[in-house]
Each structure stands twice: as structure tokens, then as C-alpha cells.
Amino acid sequence: MNMGEAQTLVNRTPCERFSRSMGFIRPVSNFNIGKYSEFCERKTFKESNCLTTGARHEELMKKAA
């Protein structure tokens, strides 16, 4: 890492992440240990993994035929 990259990292502003918890949008930094652990275990929804689209859907339709 050169001097310019190191200085850029020092001048960066932290990014606050928000999550919907119990119906409210709250910053993740305010979560207690248990809620933060639960937040880290969450998985992101991907439409390609959905049963009605993508390769998985085609695979299931071939088996059903």
C-alpha cells in the first residue's frame, strides 16, 4: 500500500448500516449482542434461488414432467 492509499483510508467516513427490526428501522450499531448476532446470521434473498425462476425451477419442472 502506498502513501496515497494509506491517507485515503484514514480520511474515510464510517458508513452506518440500518436494518428493520421489530417494525422499526434502526442503526445496526445500536443493536445489543443478541440482535447483532441474529443480524449477522441473516441471508440475503436472491431471486435466482427462488423456486419459480432460474435453473432450480427448470430442474423441478423436468422432474415433474
PDB file of N, CA and C in Angstrom:
ATOM      1  N   MET A   1       0.858  -1.168   0.000  1.00  0.00           N
ATOM      2  CA  MET A   1       0.000   0.000   0.000  1.00  0.00           C
ATOM      3  C   MET A   1       0.907   1.234   0.000  1.00  0.00           C
ATOM      4  N   ASN A   2       0.632   2.168  -0.899  1.00  0.00           N
ATOM      5  CA  ASN A   2       1.459   3.371  -0.951  1.00  0.00           C
ATOM      6  C   ASN A   2       0.883   4.450  -0.034  1.00  0.00           C
ATOM      7  N   MET A   3       1.567   5.560   0.050  1.00  0.00           N
ATOM      8  CA  MET A   3       1.194   6.628   0.986  1.00  0.00           C
ATOM      9  C   MET A   3      -0.179   7.221   0.656  1.00  0.00           C
ATOM     10  N   GLY A   4      -0.500   7.358  -0.630  1.00  0.00           N
ATOM     11  CA  GLY A   4      -1.786   7.914  -1.036  1.00  0.00           C
ATOM     12  C   GLY A   4      -2.947   7.037  -0.600  1.00  0.00           C
ATOM     13  N   GLU A   5      -2.784   5.700  -0.748  1.00  0.00           N
ATOM     14  CA  GLU A   5      -3.838   4.774  -0.331  1.00  0.00           C
ATOM     15  C   GLU A   5      -4.020   4.802   1.188  1.00  0.00           C
ATOM     16  N   ALA A   6      -2.912   4.865   1.926  1.00  0.00           N
ATOM     17  CA  ALA A   6      -2.986   4.900   3.389  1.00  0.00           C
ATOM     18  C   ALA A   6      -3.699   6.167   3.858  1.00  0.00           C
ATOM     19  N   GLN A   7      -3.417   7.279   3.240  1.00  0.00           N
ATOM     20  CA  GLN A   7      -4.051   8.536   3.635  1.00  0.00           C
ATOM     21  C   GLN A   7      -5.543   8.511   3.291  1.00  0.00           C
ATOM     22  N   THR A   8      -5.912   7.888   2.167  1.00  0.00           N
ATOM     23  CA  THR A   8      -7.312   7.783   1.790  1.00  0.00           C
ATOM     24  C   THR A   8      -8.076   6.966   2.823  1.00  0.00           C
ATOM     25  N   LEU A   9      -7.493   5.873   3.329  1.00  0.00           N
ATOM     26  CA  LEU A   9      -8.149   5.042   4.326  1.00  0.00           C
ATOM     27  C   LEU A   9      -8.357   5.798   5.637  1.00  0.00           C
ATOM     28  N   VAL A  10      -7.413   6.665   5.985  1.00  0.00           N
ATOM     29  CA  VAL A  10      -7.520   7.433   7.225  1.00  0.00           C
ATOM     30  C   VAL A  10      -8.649   8.450   7.126  1.00  0.00           C
ATOM     31  N   ASN A  11      -8.855   9.034   5.964  1.00  0.00           N
ATOM     32  CA  ASN A  11      -9.847  10.098   5.788  1.00  0.00           C
ATOM     33  C   ASN A  11     -11.255   9.585   5.503  1.00  0.00           C
ATOM     34  N   ARG A  12     -11.461   8.290   5.495  1.00  0.00           N
ATOM     35  CA  ARG A  12     -12.779   7.743   5.190  1.00  0.00           C
ATOM     36  C   ARG A  12     -13.752   7.955   6.343  1.00  0.00           C
ATOM     37  N   THR A  13     -15.013   8.131   5.992  1.00  0.00           N
ATOM     38  CA  THR A  13     -16.075   8.283   6.981  1.00  0.00           C
ATOM     39  C   THR A  13     -16.759   6.940   7.160  1.00  0.00           C
ATOM     40  N   PRO A  14     -16.975   6.510   8.386  1.00  0.00           N
ATOM     41  CA  PRO A  14     -17.661   5.229   8.591  1.00  0.00           C
ATOM     42  C   PRO A  14     -19.088   5.272   8.032  1.00  0.00           C
ATOM     43  N   CYS A  15     -19.514   4.182   7.436  1.00  0.00           N
ATOM     44  CA  CYS A  15     -20.852   4.078   6.861  1.00  0.00           C
ATOM     45  C   CYS A  15     -21.769   3.391   7.869  1.00  0.00           C
ATOM     46  N   GLU A  16     -22.879   4.007   8.161  1.00  0.00           N
ATOM     47  CA  GLU A  16     -23.828   3.430   9.117  1.00  0.00           C
ATOM     48  C   GLU A  16     -24.785   2.498   8.376  1.00  0.00           C
ATOM     49  N   ARG A  17     -24.964   1.290   8.880  1.00  0.00           N
ATOM     50  CA  ARG A  17     -25.897   0.336   8.294  1.00  0.00           C
ATOM     51  C   ARG A  17     -27.185   0.357   9.107  1.00  0.00           C
ATOM     52  N   PHE A  18     -28.306   0.264   8.411  1.00  0.00           N
ATOM     53  CA  PHE A  18     -29.603   0.251   9.062  1.00  0.00           C
ATOM     54  C   PHE A  18     -30.306  -1.054   8.738  1.00  0.00           C
ATOM     55  N   SER A  19     -31.151  -1.497   9.642  1.00  0.00           N
ATOM     56  CA  SER A  19     -31.921  -2.709   9.440  1.00  0.00           C
ATOM     57  C   SER A  19     -33.305  -2.525  10.035  1.00  0.00           C
ATOM     58  N   ARG A  20     -34.260  -3.207   9.451  1.00  0.00           N
ATOM     59  CA  ARG A  20     -35.621  -3.158  10.002  1.00  0.00           C
ATOM     60  C   ARG A  20     -35.723  -4.224  11.077  1.00  0.00           C
ATOM     61  N   SER A  21     -35.969  -3.791  12.274  1.00  0.00           N
ATOM     62  CA  SER A  21     -36.048  -4.696  13.413  1.00  0.00           C
ATOM     63  C   SER A  21     -37.321  -4.406  14.181  1.00  0.00           C
ATOM     64  N   MET A  22     -38.170  -5.401  14.326  1.00  0.00           N
ATOM     65  CA  MET A  22     -39.414  -5.248  15.085  1.00  0.00           C
ATOM     66  C   MET A  22     -40.269  -4.104  14.528  1.00  0.00           C
ATOM     67  N   GLY A  23     -40.241  -3.924  13.201  1.00  0.00           N
ATOM     68  CA  GLY A  23     -41.067  -2.908  12.565  1.00  0.00           C
ATOM     69  C   GLY A  23     -40.454  -1.522  12.511  1.00  0.00           C
ATOM     70  N   PHE A  24     -39.285  -1.342  13.095  1.00  0.00           N
ATOM     71  CA  PHE A  24     -38.620  -0.040  13.100  1.00  0.00           C
ATOM     72  C   PHE A  24     -37.303  -0.132  12.356  1.00  0.00           C
ATOM     73  N   ILE A  25     -36.922   0.940  11.677  1.00  0.00           N
ATOM     74  CA  ILE A  25     -35.618   0.992  11.027  1.00  0.00           C
ATOM     75  C   ILE A  25     -34.634   1.590  12.019  1.00  0.00           C
ATOM     76  N   ARG A  26     -33.627   0.782  12.395  1.00  0.00           N
ATOM     77  CA  ARG A  26     -32.673   1.194  13.430  1.00  0.00           C
ATOM     78  C   ARG A  26     -31.253   0.976  12.940  1.00  0.00           C
ATOM     79  N   PRO A  27     -30.295   1.787  13.411  1.00  0.00           N
ATOM     80  CA  PRO A  27     -28.897   1.559  13.046  1.00  0.00           C
ATOM     81  C   PRO A  27     -28.381   0.271  13.697  1.00  0.00           C
ATOM     82  N   VAL A  28     -27.626  -0.501  12.943  1.00  0.00           N
ATOM     83  CA  VAL A  28     -27.079  -1.763  13.437  1.00  0.00           C
ATOM     84  C   VAL A  28     -26.138  -1.522  14.616  1.00  0.00           C
ATOM     85  N   SER A  29     -25.490  -0.390  14.654  1.00  0.00           N
ATOM     86  CA  SER A  29     -24.553  -0.101  15.751  1.00  0.00           C
ATOM     87  C   SER A  29     -25.267  -0.007  17.100  1.00  0.00           C
ATOM     88  N   ASN A  30     -26.588   0.197  17.107  1.00  0.00           N
ATOM     89  CA  ASN A  30     -27.347   0.270  18.362  1.00  0.00           C
ATOM     90  C   ASN A  30     -27.890  -1.079  18.816  1.00  0.00           C
ATOM     91  N   PHE A  31     -27.669  -2.134  18.039  1.00  0.00           N
ATOM     92  CA  PHE A  31     -28.173  -3.455  18.406  1.00  0.00           C
ATOM     93  C   PHE A  31     -27.422  -4.003  19.610  1.00  0.00           C
ATOM     94  N   ASN A  32     -28.129  -4.771  20.448  1.00  0.00           N
ATOM     95  CA  ASN A  32     -27.441  -5.461  21.540  1.00  0.00           C
ATOM     96  C   ASN A  32     -26.757  -6.710  20.968  1.00  0.00           C
ATOM     97  N   ILE A  33     -26.027  -7.439  21.780  1.00  0.00           N
ATOM     98  CA  ILE A  33     -25.226  -8.569  21.299  1.00  0.00           C
ATOM     99  C   ILE A  33     -26.099  -9.621  20.617  1.00  0.00           C
ATOM    100  N   GLY A  34     -27.240  -9.945  21.218  1.00  0.00           N
ATOM    101  CA  GLY A  34     -28.114 -10.964  20.650  1.00  0.00           C
ATOM    102  C   GLY A  34     -28.705 -10.561  19.322  1.00  0.00           C
ATOM    103  N   LYS A  35     -29.196  -9.339  19.218  1.00  0.00           N
ATOM    104  CA  LYS A  35     -29.794  -8.849  17.977  1.00  0.00           C
ATOM    105  C   LYS A  35     -28.738  -8.718  16.882  1.00  0.00           C
ATOM    106  N   TYR A  36     -27.518  -8.304  17.237  1.00  0.00           N
ATOM    107  CA  TYR A  36     -26.440  -8.193  16.253  1.00  0.00           C
ATOM    108  C   TYR A  36     -26.059  -9.572  15.725  1.00  0.00           C
ATOM    109  N   SER A  37     -26.017 -10.572  16.610  1.00  0.00           N
ATOM    110  CA  SER A  37     -25.708 -11.935  16.202  1.00  0.00           C
ATOM    111  C   SER A  37     -26.770 -12.444  15.226  1.00  0.00           C
ATOM    112  N   GLU A  38     -28.027 -12.172  15.541  1.00  0.00           N
ATOM    113  CA  GLU A  38     -29.129 -12.565  14.664  1.00  0.00           C
ATOM    114  C   GLU A  38     -29.010 -11.860  13.310  1.00  0.00           C
ATOM    115  N   PHE A  39     -28.639 -10.592  13.318  1.00  0.00           N
ATOM    116  CA  PHE A  39     -28.467  -9.817  12.090  1.00  0.00           C
ATOM    117  C   PHE A  39     -27.372 -10.428  11.209  1.00  0.00           C
ATOM    118  N   CYS A  40     -26.276 -10.861  11.824  1.00  0.00           N
ATOM    119  CA  CYS A  40     -25.158 -11.442  11.076  1.00  0.00           C
ATOM    120  C   CYS A  40     -25.513 -12.786  10.451  1.00  0.00           C
ATOM    121  N   GLU A  41     -26.458 -13.513  11.042  1.00  0.00           N
ATOM    122  CA  GLU A  41     -26.854 -14.823  10.525  1.00  0.00           C
ATOM    123  C   GLU A  41     -27.867 -14.741   9.390  1.00  0.00           C
ATOM    124  N   ARG A  42     -28.419 -13.574   9.138  1.00  0.00           N
ATOM    125  CA  ARG A  42     -29.420 -13.426   8.086  1.00  0.00           C
ATOM    126  C   ARG A  42     -28.819 -13.695   6.720  1.00  0.00           C
ATOM    127  N   LYS A  43     -29.663 -14.177   5.819  1.00  0.00           N
ATOM    128  CA  LYS A  43     -29.246 -14.424   4.446  1.00  0.00           C
ATOM    129  C   LYS A  43     -30.014 -13.483   3.523  1.00  0.00           C
ATOM    130  N   THR A  44     -29.355 -13.047   2.468  1.00  0.00           N
ATOM    131  CA  THR A  44     -29.965 -12.144   1.504  1.00  0.00           C
ATOM    132  C   THR A  44     -30.802 -12.937   0.511  1.00  0.00           C
ATOM    133  N   PHE A  45     -32.007 -12.477   0.252  1.00  0.00           N
ATOM    134  CA  PHE A  45     -32.872 -13.122  -0.724  1.00  0.00           C
ATOM    135  C   PHE A  45     -32.298 -12.942  -2.119  1.00  0.00           C
ATOM    136  N   LYS A  46     -32.238 -14.041  -2.873  1.00  0.00           N
ATOM    137  CA  LYS A  46     -31.789 -13.987  -4.264  1.00  0.00           C
ATOM    138  C   LYS A  46     -32.881 -14.594  -5.123  1.00  0.00           C
ATOM    139  N   GLU A  47     -33.365 -13.842  -6.069  1.00  0.00           N
ATOM    140  CA  GLU A  47     -34.465 -14.309  -6.907  1.00  0.00           C
ATOM    141  C   GLU A  47     -34.070 -15.547  -7.696  1.00  0.00           C
ATOM    142  N   SER A  48     -32.794 -15.676  -8.052  1.00  0.00           N
ATOM    143  CA  SER A  48     -32.351 -16.837  -8.827  1.00  0.00           C
ATOM    144  C   SER A  48     -32.498 -18.139  -8.033  1.00  0.00           C
ATOM    145  N   ASN A  49     -32.540 -18.066  -6.703  1.00  0.00           N
ATOM    146  CA  ASN A  49     -32.713 -19.252  -5.874  1.00  0.00           C
ATOM    147  C   ASN A  49     -34.186 -19.566  -5.612  1.00  0.00           C
ATOM    148  N   CYS A  50     -35.060 -18.708  -6.071  1.00  0.00           N
ATOM    149  CA  CYS A  50     -36.490 -18.880  -5.848  1.00  0.00           C
ATOM    150  C   CYS A  50     -36.990 -20.081  -6.653  1.00  0.00           C
ATOM    151  N   LEU A  51     -37.990 -20.792  -6.132  1.00  0.00           N
ATOM    152  CA  LEU A  51     -38.491 -21.992  -6.809  1.00  0.00           C
ATOM    153  C   LEU A  51     -39.237 -21.689  -8.098  1.00  0.00           C
ATOM    154  N   THR A  52     -39.641 -20.446  -8.337  1.00  0.00           N
ATOM    155  CA  THR A  52     -40.418 -20.120  -9.529  1.00  0.00           C
ATOM    156  C   THR A  52     -39.578 -19.511 -10.649  1.00  0.00           C
ATOM    157  N   THR A  53     -38.280 -19.377 -10.459  1.00  0.00           N
ATOM    158  CA  THR A  53     -37.421 -18.814 -11.505  1.00  0.00           C
ATOM    159  C   THR A  53     -36.077 -19.536 -11.524  1.00  0.00           C
ATOM    160  N   GLY A  54     -35.355 -19.323 -12.571  1.00  0.00           N
ATOM    161  CA  GLY A  54     -33.979 -19.783 -12.634  1.00  0.00           C
ATOM    162  C   GLY A  54     -33.821 -21.278 -12.877  1.00  0.00           C
ATOM    163  N   ALA A  55     -32.580 -21.748 -12.723  1.00  0.00           N
ATOM    164  CA  ALA A  55     -32.217 -23.129 -13.005  1.00  0.00           C
ATOM    165  C   ALA A  55     -32.939 -24.107 -12.084  1.00  0.00           C
ATOM    166  N   ARG A  56     -33.142 -23.728 -10.836  1.00  0.00           N
ATOM    167  CA  ARG A  56     -33.819 -24.619  -9.884  1.00  0.00           C
ATOM    168  C   ARG A  56     -35.250 -24.895 -10.339  1.00  0.00           C
ATOM    169  N   HIS A  57     -35.924 -23.874 -10.851  1.00  0.00           N
ATOM    170  CA  HIS A  57     -37.292 -24.043 -11.348  1.00  0.00           C
ATOM    171  C   HIS A  57     -37.305 -24.998 -12.541  1.00  0.00           C
ATOM    172  N   GLU A  58     -36.375 -24.816 -13.451  1.00  0.00           N
ATOM    173  CA  GLU A  58     -36.293 -25.686 -14.631  1.00  0.00           C
ATOM    174  C   GLU A  58     -36.032 -27.131 -14.212  1.00  0.00           C
ATOM    175  N   GLU A  59     -35.156 -27.322 -13.241  1.00  0.00           N
ATOM    176  CA  GLU A  59     -34.841 -28.659 -12.744  1.00  0.00           C
ATOM    177  C   GLU A  59     -36.082 -29.333 -12.162  1.00  0.00           C
ATOM    178  N   LEU A  60     -36.841 -28.592 -11.351  1.00  0.00           N
ATOM    179  CA  LEU A  60     -38.049 -29.136 -10.755  1.00  0.00           C
ATOM    180  C   LEU A  60     -39.119 -29.440 -11.801  1.00  0.00           C
ATOM    181  N   MET A  61     -39.226 -28.599 -12.810  1.00  0.00           N
ATOM    182  CA  MET A  61     -40.222 -28.825 -13.861  1.00  0.00           C
ATOM    183  C   MET A  61     -39.891 -30.071 -14.675  1.00  0.00           C
ATOM    184  N   LYS A  62     -38.595 -30.341 -14.913  1.00  0.00           N
ATOM    185  CA  LYS A  62     -38.186 -31.547 -15.649  1.00  0.00           C
ATOM    186  C   LYS A  62     -38.532 -32.793 -14.829  1.00  0.00           C
ATOM    187  N   LYS A  63     -38.323 -32.736 -13.511  1.00  0.00           N
ATOM    188  CA  LYS A  63     -38.641 -33.880 -12.667  1.00  0.00           C
ATOM    189  C   LYS A  63     -40.141 -34.122 -12.612  1.00  0.00           C
ATOM    190  N   ALA A  64     -40.929 -33.059 -12.662  1.00  0.00           N
ATOM    191  CA  ALA A  64     -42.382 -33.182 -12.574  1.00  0.00           C
ATOM    192  C   ALA A  64     -42.987 -33.745 -13.861  1.00  0.00           C
ATOM    193  N   ALA A  65     -42.310 -33.563 -14.979  1.00  0.00           N
ATOM    194  CA  ALA A  65     -42.854 -33.984 -16.288  1.00  0.00           C
ATOM    195  C   ALA A  65     -42.738 -35.470 -16.523  1.00  0.00           C
TER     196      ALA A  65
END
